[in-house]
Structures are given as C-alpha cells and as structure tokens.
Amino acid sequence: MAESEQDLAAAQRRHWQDTYSAHPGMYGEQPSAPALHAARVFRAAGVRDVLELGAGHGRDALHFAREGFSVHATDFSGTGLAQLEQTAHAQDLDARVTTVLHDVREPLPLPDASVDGVFAHMLLCMALSTKEIHAAVGEIRRVLRPGGVFVYTVRHTGDAHYGAGAAHGDDVWEHGGFAVHFFPRDLVDALAEGWTLDEVHAFEEGDLPRRLWRVTQSLPR
C-alpha cells in the first residue's frame, strides 16, 4: 500500500471510530433492505453460517442471527463491534454471533472453505484501491465453501457524489469526511470472473439518495 493510501486508510479508520462513538447505533435497529434480500437468498441456498464484513454496530448481523444463521461479524471499528456485542447480549443472541476486529485489507482470519455465505453492505466501496478490492474478493472466495453465496452492495459511478469532493484517484472521492470507491460496471464484472453472477440489482438508499448496486454471485459446487 502506498504511503498516501496508508494515510487515507488510517484517517478513515479514525473517522469511523469517532462516528460510532458520537452516534451509537447510528443506523438504527432495523436491518437494511440488502440484508433482508440476503437472508432470503441464503435460506434458499441452504446457508448455515454467514460472514459479514463491515458489520458496524450490527443491525444486519443481528438480523441474520435472529433468522437462525450463525454469524461471524467483522469490522475495523472496535467501537462499532462493542455496540454489536452489547446488543447481541441484550437480545440473547450471544451464542449465534461472534465478532472479530479486522481490516478488509488484511487476509481473513478464517480457514479455507469455512463459511456458506458472505454479506458486505457498502464495505467494498470504502476507501480501497481496485487492487485491494480484488484481493478482498479473492479472500472471500477462499473462505467460501463450494456453492457458497456472496451478496454485496456498492455505490456506483452514477451516484450524485461521484466526482464531488476531494479526489484520491482510482475512482475514490471523499465527501463529508467519508471516502468512497465508486464502482464502474466493469469492476463488478471483473470481480465475478470464475463465479456465477446471479444478479446485479440497481437501487437507491438514503436521502441523497445514494445510488447502489446489489450484487449476488455464487461459487460452483
């Protein structure tokens, strides 16, 4: 990672830590629409255990646990994960949820072929280079069992914030303190090479609104 990328990554980690500290449970208790979709897809595919990357304070991880999945939740914010753990305990979901502090730029702390499903809501479109995104998806492929399913969402280049704010190169733009890697469609297709690309669904979220793709792809059995 270049020094400028290291500086941006460290600044983003601090920013998220501060944000979760200032706004506990900032996304509320209700699961995101992509998590509702993912739970249905996982159930239809016979998924038993789910890895969520970028779980934050846990609204989606806790939904998966309530739906009966075993959940392994990761995030690079210890503050967010502490909030997740507290809520899991309050909802008597401790037995279904484990948490690990992890930066997606690093190899996943899981064995090969050890989970059935992976979910990442806007994690891959954080301040990551294209090379780092490919490496992360390679790690996701490594830990998925044959037939495993990966559901992720990303903001794309049709979003209103694309091209606005501070430019960091490689389609990364920073606006309001949050750096985003906006995805062109060819990046989605490149990340699906060797997978079955089941769906690319365009949707909107939030007040701007943010414009995203919800991608569902699976490994051959």
Protein backbone atom coordinates (compact mmCIF):
# COMPACT_ATOMS: atom_id res chain seq x y z
CA MET A 1 0.00 0.00 0.00
CA ALA A 2 1.41 3.41 -0.97
CA GLU A 3 2.00 5.93 1.80
CA SER A 4 -0.91 8.10 0.64
CA GLU A 5 -3.20 5.04 0.70
CA GLN A 6 -1.97 4.17 4.21
CA ASP A 7 -2.70 7.72 5.37
CA LEU A 8 -6.21 7.62 3.87
CA ALA A 9 -6.92 4.21 5.40
CA ALA A 10 -5.79 5.38 8.85
CA ALA A 11 -7.82 8.58 8.58
CA GLN A 12 -10.93 6.63 7.58
CA ARG A 13 -10.50 4.20 10.48
CA ARG A 14 -10.30 7.14 12.92
CA HIS A 15 -13.29 8.79 11.27
CA TRP A 16 -15.46 5.68 11.66
CA GLN A 17 -14.34 5.18 15.25
CA ASP A 18 -15.26 8.77 16.08
CA THR A 19 -18.57 8.49 14.21
CA TYR A 20 -19.67 5.35 16.05
CA SER A 21 -18.60 6.91 19.36
CA ALA A 22 -20.56 10.09 18.71
CA HIS A 23 -23.62 8.31 17.27
CA PRO A 24 -24.14 4.89 18.92
CA GLY A 25 -26.43 2.69 16.87
CA MET A 26 -26.36 5.31 14.12
CA TYR A 27 -28.11 3.15 11.51
CA GLY A 28 -30.92 2.09 13.84
CA GLU A 29 -32.13 -1.36 14.81
CA GLN A 30 -33.96 -2.36 11.63
CA PRO A 31 -31.97 -4.40 9.07
CA SER A 32 -31.07 -2.88 5.73
CA ALA A 33 -33.04 -3.85 2.63
CA PRO A 34 -29.98 -5.67 1.20
CA ALA A 35 -29.77 -7.77 4.38
CA LEU A 36 -33.42 -8.77 4.04
CA HIS A 37 -32.67 -9.85 0.47
CA ALA A 38 -29.51 -11.68 1.51
CA ALA A 39 -31.31 -13.63 4.24
CA ARG A 40 -33.82 -14.90 1.68
CA VAL A 41 -31.05 -15.83 -0.76
CA PHE A 42 -29.01 -17.54 1.95
CA ARG A 43 -32.00 -19.55 3.17
CA ALA A 44 -32.86 -20.70 -0.37
CA ALA A 45 -29.23 -21.78 -0.87
CA GLY A 46 -29.12 -23.78 2.35
CA VAL A 47 -26.63 -21.44 4.03
CA ARG A 48 -25.96 -22.15 7.71
CA ASP A 49 -23.18 -19.73 8.61
CA VAL A 50 -22.70 -16.15 7.43
CA LEU A 51 -19.62 -13.94 7.45
CA GLU A 52 -20.50 -10.24 7.46
CA LEU A 53 -17.70 -7.86 6.50
CA GLY A 54 -18.02 -4.29 7.76
CA ALA A 55 -20.74 -5.19 10.25
CA GLY A 56 -20.54 -1.87 12.13
CA HIS A 57 -22.84 -1.81 15.15
CA GLY A 58 -24.62 -4.88 13.88
CA ARG A 59 -28.12 -4.18 12.62
CA ASP A 60 -27.70 -6.68 9.77
CA ALA A 61 -25.59 -9.23 11.65
CA LEU A 62 -28.23 -9.36 14.37
CA HIS A 63 -30.96 -9.83 11.77
CA PHE A 64 -29.10 -12.83 10.33
CA ALA A 65 -28.77 -14.26 13.84
CA ARG A 66 -32.48 -13.79 14.53
CA GLU A 67 -33.17 -15.60 11.25
CA GLY A 68 -31.29 -18.62 12.58
CA PHE A 69 -27.88 -18.24 10.92
CA SER A 70 -24.60 -18.46 12.80
CA VAL A 71 -22.90 -15.12 12.20
CA HIS A 72 -19.23 -14.16 12.16
CA ALA A 73 -19.14 -10.33 12.15
CA THR A 74 -16.03 -8.31 11.35
CA ASP A 75 -15.27 -4.59 11.28
CA PHE A 76 -12.22 -2.36 11.68
CA SER A 77 -14.03 -0.29 14.33
CA GLY A 78 -13.77 -1.72 17.81
CA THR A 79 -16.36 0.81 18.93
CA GLY A 80 -18.91 -0.49 16.42
CA LEU A 81 -18.25 -4.10 17.34
CA ALA A 82 -18.60 -3.33 21.07
CA GLN A 83 -22.05 -1.91 20.35
CA LEU A 84 -22.90 -5.04 18.35
CA GLU A 85 -21.79 -7.32 21.20
CA GLN A 86 -23.82 -5.33 23.73
CA THR A 87 -26.98 -5.59 21.63
CA ALA A 88 -26.42 -9.29 20.91
CA HIS A 89 -26.19 -9.93 24.65
CA ALA A 90 -29.33 -7.89 25.34
CA GLN A 91 -31.23 -9.87 22.69
CA ASP A 92 -29.88 -13.23 23.92
CA LEU A 93 -28.07 -13.82 20.62
CA ASP A 94 -24.57 -14.33 22.04
CA ALA A 95 -24.49 -17.98 21.00
CA ARG A 96 -25.16 -17.10 17.36
CA VAL A 97 -22.82 -14.12 16.94
CA THR A 98 -19.05 -13.87 17.12
CA THR A 99 -17.08 -10.70 16.38
CA VAL A 100 -13.52 -10.09 15.22
CA LEU A 101 -11.71 -6.78 14.76
CA HIS A 102 -10.47 -6.94 11.18
CA ASP A 103 -9.41 -4.63 8.36
CA VAL A 104 -10.57 -5.96 5.00
CA ARG A 105 -7.18 -5.04 3.55
CA GLU A 106 -5.74 -7.96 5.51
CA PRO A 107 -6.30 -11.70 4.93
CA LEU A 108 -9.47 -13.00 6.53
CA PRO A 109 -8.87 -14.77 9.87
CA LEU A 110 -10.78 -17.87 8.76
CA PRO A 111 -9.79 -21.24 7.29
CA ASP A 112 -10.35 -22.16 3.67
CA ALA A 113 -13.92 -23.25 2.77
CA SER A 114 -15.27 -22.47 6.24
CA VAL A 115 -18.48 -20.45 5.62
CA ASP A 116 -21.55 -20.81 3.42
CA GLY A 117 -22.42 -17.16 2.84
CA VAL A 118 -20.76 -13.74 2.89
CA PHE A 119 -22.51 -10.36 3.14
CA ALA A 120 -20.95 -6.92 2.75
CA HIS A 121 -23.16 -3.82 2.65
CA MET A 122 -21.08 -0.94 1.21
CA LEU A 123 -17.85 -2.41 2.57
CA LEU A 124 -16.14 -2.90 -0.79
CA CYS A 125 -16.81 0.72 -1.79
CA MET A 126 -14.92 2.14 1.18
CA ALA A 127 -11.50 3.78 0.70
CA LEU A 128 -10.00 0.74 -1.01
CA SER A 129 -7.92 0.63 -4.17
CA THR A 130 -9.03 -1.56 -7.06
CA LYS A 131 -6.16 -3.92 -6.23
CA GLU A 132 -7.31 -4.15 -2.61
CA ILE A 133 -10.89 -4.84 -3.70
CA HIS A 134 -9.75 -7.71 -5.92
CA ALA A 135 -7.65 -9.09 -3.07
CA ALA A 136 -10.61 -8.89 -0.66
CA VAL A 137 -12.88 -10.77 -3.07
CA GLY A 138 -10.12 -13.35 -3.52
CA GLU A 139 -10.14 -13.86 0.25
CA ILE A 140 -13.93 -14.15 0.25
CA ARG A 141 -13.67 -16.84 -2.41
CA ARG A 142 -11.07 -18.65 -0.34
CA VAL A 143 -13.23 -18.88 2.79
CA LEU A 144 -16.47 -19.80 1.00
CA ARG A 145 -17.42 -23.44 0.63
CA PRO A 146 -18.27 -24.79 -2.85
CA GLY A 147 -21.70 -23.45 -3.80
CA GLY A 148 -21.27 -20.55 -1.37
CA VAL A 149 -23.06 -17.25 -1.93
CA PHE A 150 -21.70 -13.70 -1.76
CA VAL A 151 -24.08 -10.73 -1.55
CA TYR A 152 -22.60 -7.24 -1.56
CA THR A 153 -23.60 -3.66 -2.27
CA VAL A 154 -21.56 -0.77 -3.62
CA ARG A 155 -22.16 2.81 -4.63
CA HIS A 156 -21.52 3.24 -8.34
CA THR A 157 -20.39 5.91 -10.76
CA GLY A 158 -23.98 7.05 -11.33
CA ASP A 159 -24.14 8.30 -7.73
CA ALA A 160 -24.54 12.04 -7.17
CA HIS A 161 -21.36 12.19 -5.08
CA TYR A 162 -19.21 10.63 -7.80
CA GLY A 163 -16.80 13.31 -8.95
CA ALA A 164 -17.62 15.57 -5.98
CA GLY A 165 -15.42 16.45 -3.04
CA ALA A 166 -11.74 15.53 -2.69
CA ALA A 167 -10.30 13.24 -5.34
CA HIS A 168 -7.97 10.44 -4.22
CA GLY A 169 -7.63 8.72 -7.60
CA ASP A 170 -8.83 5.26 -8.68
CA ASP A 171 -12.49 6.41 -8.54
CA VAL A 172 -12.15 7.24 -4.82
CA TRP A 173 -13.80 10.53 -3.78
CA GLU A 174 -14.11 11.93 -0.27
CA HIS A 175 -17.22 13.87 0.70
CA GLY A 176 -18.19 14.93 4.21
CA GLY A 177 -15.24 13.05 5.69
CA PHE A 178 -16.22 9.69 4.15
CA ALA A 179 -14.13 8.33 1.28
CA VAL A 180 -15.93 6.12 -1.25
CA HIS A 181 -14.67 3.99 -4.13
CA PHE A 182 -17.41 4.38 -6.74
CA PHE A 183 -17.75 1.25 -8.88
CA PRO A 184 -17.93 1.25 -12.67
CA ARG A 185 -19.87 -1.72 -14.05
CA ASP A 186 -16.76 -3.35 -15.48
CA LEU A 187 -15.34 -3.71 -11.96
CA VAL A 188 -18.44 -5.67 -10.91
CA ASP A 189 -17.98 -7.96 -13.91
CA ALA A 190 -14.27 -8.41 -13.21
CA LEU A 191 -14.97 -9.39 -9.59
CA ALA A 192 -17.43 -12.03 -10.82
CA GLU A 193 -14.91 -13.85 -13.03
CA GLY A 194 -14.93 -17.52 -12.04
CA TRP A 195 -18.24 -17.07 -10.18
CA THR A 196 -21.84 -17.31 -11.32
CA LEU A 197 -23.14 -13.74 -11.43
CA ASP A 198 -26.73 -14.28 -10.31
CA GLU A 199 -27.93 -10.67 -10.16
CA VAL A 200 -26.89 -7.03 -10.37
CA HIS A 201 -29.78 -5.01 -8.97
CA ALA A 202 -29.79 -1.19 -9.02
CA PHE A 203 -31.40 0.54 -6.04
CA GLU A 204 -31.33 3.76 -4.05
CA GLU A 205 -30.84 4.35 -0.33
CA GLY A 206 -30.94 7.36 1.96
CA ASP A 207 -31.88 10.97 1.47
CA LEU A 208 -29.44 11.99 -1.29
CA PRO A 209 -30.28 9.34 -2.49
CA ARG A 210 -27.22 7.13 -2.69
CA ARG A 211 -27.22 5.01 -5.84
CA LEU A 212 -26.03 1.46 -5.44
CA TRP A 213 -25.81 -1.96 -6.98
CA ARG A 214 -26.75 -5.06 -5.01
CA VAL A 215 -24.71 -7.93 -6.41
CA THR A 216 -25.40 -11.61 -5.80
CA GLN A 217 -22.85 -14.13 -7.01
CA SER A 218 -22.11 -17.75 -6.16
CA LEU A 219 -19.35 -20.31 -6.46
CA PRO A 220 -19.72 -23.51 -8.45
CA ARG A 221 -20.25 -26.67 -6.42
